Amino acid sequence: KRRRHYCNGSIATAATNGAVVLWNLEKLSKSKQMLVYNDHKRTTNKVAFPPDGTYLLSGSQDGCVKLFDSRVNMKECQLTFDCGSESVRDVQVNPMQAQLFA
């Protein structure tokens, strides 16, 4: 089960405490961590970037998909989609149309 996603020098990881962590692999310093999003109430199962890296999606056991704007340094999600299910196990972005995701 893939719980990380790479795009344009950044990687996003999902955590069992519900956090989504954004890392900058191109930083020269030792600490590569950029942002920690703590918006999910339960384990984050999956993260995904579109090909252009403009946003980040996460799906969680809290039944929500969250959208984060990865271009700005904000520590909270921009949009929350309540999926009406017990858990969101996967999120995917359409590589041809970045505004479409499932």
C-alpha atoms as a PDB file:
ATOM      1  CA  LYS A   1       0.000   0.000   0.000  1.00  0.00           C
ATOM      2  CA  ARG A   2       1.612   3.254  -1.132  1.00  0.00           C
ATOM      3  CA  ARG A   3       1.346   5.971   1.507  1.00  0.00           C
ATOM      4  CA  ARG A   4       3.606   8.525  -0.186  1.00  0.00           C
ATOM      5  CA  HIS A   5       3.601  10.453  -3.456  1.00  0.00           C
ATOM      6  CA  TYR A   6       6.403  12.338  -5.254  1.00  0.00           C
ATOM      7  CA  CYS A   7       6.068  15.452  -7.447  1.00  0.00           C
ATOM      8  CA  ASN A   8       8.550  18.147  -8.561  1.00  0.00           C
ATOM      9  CA  GLY A   9      11.079  17.686  -5.774  1.00  0.00           C
ATOM     10  CA  SER A  10       8.433  17.296  -3.077  1.00  0.00           C
ATOM     11  CA  ILE A  11       7.103  14.199  -1.418  1.00  0.00           C
ATOM     12  CA  ALA A  12       3.958  13.833   0.637  1.00  0.00           C
ATOM     13  CA  THR A  13       3.557  11.123   3.247  1.00  0.00           C
ATOM     14  CA  ALA A  14       0.498   9.831   5.096  1.00  0.00           C
ATOM     15  CA  ALA A  15       0.610   8.936   8.781  1.00  0.00           C
ATOM     16  CA  THR A  16      -1.367   6.762  11.141  1.00  0.00           C
ATOM     17  CA  ASN A  17      -2.022   9.764  13.421  1.00  0.00           C
ATOM     18  CA  GLY A  18      -3.951  11.461  10.579  1.00  0.00           C
ATOM     19  CA  ALA A  19      -1.134  13.806   9.596  1.00  0.00           C
ATOM     20  CA  VAL A  20      -0.089  14.551   6.036  1.00  0.00           C
ATOM     21  CA  VAL A  21       3.526  15.686   5.836  1.00  0.00           C
ATOM     22  CA  LEU A  22       4.974  17.624   2.892  1.00  0.00           C
ATOM     23  CA  TRP A  23       8.746  17.288   2.401  1.00  0.00           C
ATOM     24  CA  ASN A  24      11.050  19.288   0.109  1.00  0.00           C
ATOM     25  CA  LEU A  25      13.751  16.911  -1.105  1.00  0.00           C
ATOM     26  CA  GLU A  26      15.635  19.729  -2.840  1.00  0.00           C
ATOM     27  CA  LYS A  27      16.328  21.686   0.379  1.00  0.00           C
ATOM     28  CA  LEU A  28      20.010  21.805   1.191  1.00  0.00           C
ATOM     29  CA  SER A  29      19.454  21.755   4.944  1.00  0.00           C
ATOM     30  CA  LYS A  30      19.146  18.590   7.008  1.00  0.00           C
ATOM     31  CA  SER A  31      15.485  19.179   7.803  1.00  0.00           C
ATOM     32  CA  LYS A  32      13.498  18.640   4.640  1.00  0.00           C
ATOM     33  CA  GLN A  33      10.056  18.844   6.280  1.00  0.00           C
ATOM     34  CA  MET A  34       8.022  21.765   4.924  1.00  0.00           C
ATOM     35  CA  LEU A  35       4.509  21.452   6.328  1.00  0.00           C
ATOM     36  CA  VAL A  36       2.471  19.157   8.525  1.00  0.00           C
ATOM     37  CA  TYR A  37      -1.273  19.086   7.930  1.00  0.00           C
ATOM     38  CA  ASN A  38      -3.252  17.783  10.910  1.00  0.00           C
ATOM     39  CA  ASP A  39      -6.749  18.028   9.444  1.00  0.00           C
ATOM     40  CA  HIS A  40      -7.751  14.348   9.471  1.00  0.00           C
ATOM     41  CA  LYS A  41      -9.253  12.824  12.604  1.00  0.00           C
ATOM     42  CA  ARG A  42      -8.076   9.264  11.864  1.00  0.00           C
ATOM     43  CA  THR A  43      -5.331   7.462   9.924  1.00  0.00           C
ATOM     44  CA  THR A  44      -4.525   8.971   6.523  1.00  0.00           C
ATOM     45  CA  ASN A  45      -4.542   6.149   3.970  1.00  0.00           C
ATOM     46  CA  LYS A  46      -3.399   7.780   0.743  1.00  0.00           C
ATOM     47  CA  VAL A  47      -1.973  11.001  -0.715  1.00  0.00           C
ATOM     48  CA  ALA A  48      -1.703  12.146  -4.341  1.00  0.00           C
ATOM     49  CA  PHE A  49      -0.467  15.135  -6.373  1.00  0.00           C
ATOM     50  CA  PRO A  50      -1.657  16.079  -9.873  1.00  0.00           C
ATOM     51  CA  PRO A  51       1.137  16.154 -12.489  1.00  0.00           C
ATOM     52  CA  ASP A  52       1.667  19.924 -12.047  1.00  0.00           C
ATOM     53  CA  GLY A  53       1.879  19.665  -8.241  1.00  0.00           C
ATOM     54  CA  THR A  54      -0.507  22.565  -7.593  1.00  0.00           C
ATOM     55  CA  TYR A  55      -2.474  20.753  -4.930  1.00  0.00           C
ATOM     56  CA  LEU A  56      -2.334  17.680  -2.740  1.00  0.00           C
ATOM     57  CA  LEU A  57      -5.155  15.243  -2.010  1.00  0.00           C
ATOM     58  CA  SER A  58      -5.440  12.979   1.001  1.00  0.00           C
ATOM     59  CA  GLY A  59      -7.915  10.247   1.896  1.00  0.00           C
ATOM     60  CA  SER A  60      -8.478   9.051   5.440  1.00  0.00           C
ATOM     61  CA  GLN A  61     -10.261   6.558   7.640  1.00  0.00           C
ATOM     62  CA  ASP A  62     -12.378   9.507   8.842  1.00  0.00           C
ATOM     63  CA  GLY A  63     -14.321   9.204   5.549  1.00  0.00           C
ATOM     64  CA  CYS A  64     -13.016  12.488   4.091  1.00  0.00           C
ATOM     65  CA  VAL A  65     -10.900  13.578   1.155  1.00  0.00           C
ATOM     66  CA  LYS A  66      -8.972  16.786   1.837  1.00  0.00           C
ATOM     67  CA  LEU A  67      -7.477  19.144  -0.739  1.00  0.00           C
ATOM     68  CA  PHE A  68      -4.431  21.236   0.198  1.00  0.00           C
ATOM     69  CA  ASP A  69      -2.964  24.019  -1.962  1.00  0.00           C
ATOM     70  CA  SER A  70       0.699  23.022  -2.171  1.00  0.00           C
ATOM     71  CA  ARG A  71       1.701  26.379  -3.714  1.00  0.00           C
ATOM     72  CA  VAL A  72       1.016  28.375  -0.538  1.00  0.00           C
ATOM     73  CA  ASN A  73       2.383  27.932   2.949  1.00  0.00           C
ATOM     74  CA  MET A  74      -0.974  27.332   4.650  1.00  0.00           C
ATOM     75  CA  LYS A  75      -1.296  24.698   7.350  1.00  0.00           C
ATOM     76  CA  GLU A  76      -4.936  23.790   6.817  1.00  0.00           C
ATOM     77  CA  CYS A  77      -6.903  22.228   4.004  1.00  0.00           C
ATOM     78  CA  GLN A  78      -8.660  24.333   1.393  1.00  0.00           C
ATOM     79  CA  LEU A  79     -11.562  21.937   0.775  1.00  0.00           C
ATOM     80  CA  THR A  80     -13.028  18.932   2.546  1.00  0.00           C
ATOM     81  CA  PHE A  81     -15.130  16.336   0.753  1.00  0.00           C
ATOM     82  CA  ASP A  82     -17.189  14.162   3.097  1.00  0.00           C
ATOM     83  CA  CYS A  83     -17.538  10.920   1.183  1.00  0.00           C
ATOM     84  CA  GLY A  84     -20.279   9.507   3.380  1.00  0.00           C
ATOM     85  CA  SER A  85     -18.315   6.331   3.906  1.00  0.00           C
ATOM     86  CA  GLU A  86     -16.504   4.861   6.854  1.00  0.00           C
ATOM     87  CA  SER A  87     -13.077   5.131   5.215  1.00  0.00           C
ATOM     88  CA  VAL A  88     -11.421   6.526   2.082  1.00  0.00           C
ATOM     89  CA  ARG A  89      -8.816   3.978   1.050  1.00  0.00           C
ATOM     90  CA  ASP A  90      -7.532   5.581  -2.147  1.00  0.00           C
ATOM     91  CA  VAL A  91      -7.304   8.926  -3.955  1.00  0.00           C
ATOM     92  CA  GLN A  92      -6.263   9.332  -7.573  1.00  0.00           C
ATOM     93  CA  VAL A  93      -5.821  12.354  -9.859  1.00  0.00           C
ATOM     94  CA  ASN A  94      -6.628  12.198 -13.564  1.00  0.00           C
ATOM     95  CA  PRO A  95      -3.231  12.822 -15.241  1.00  0.00           C
ATOM     96  CA  MET A  96      -4.905  14.354 -18.307  1.00  0.00           C
ATOM     97  CA  GLN A  97      -7.280  16.672 -16.413  1.00  0.00           C
ATOM     98  CA  ALA A  98      -5.827  17.673 -13.039  1.00  0.00           C
ATOM     99  CA  GLN A  99      -9.142  19.103 -11.837  1.00  0.00           C
ATOM    100  CA  LEU A 100     -10.679  15.602 -11.920  1.00  0.00           C
ATOM    101  CA  PHE A 101      -9.962  13.191  -9.118  1.00  0.00           C
ATOM    102  CA  ALA A 102     -11.525  10.164  -7.481  1.00  0.00           C
END
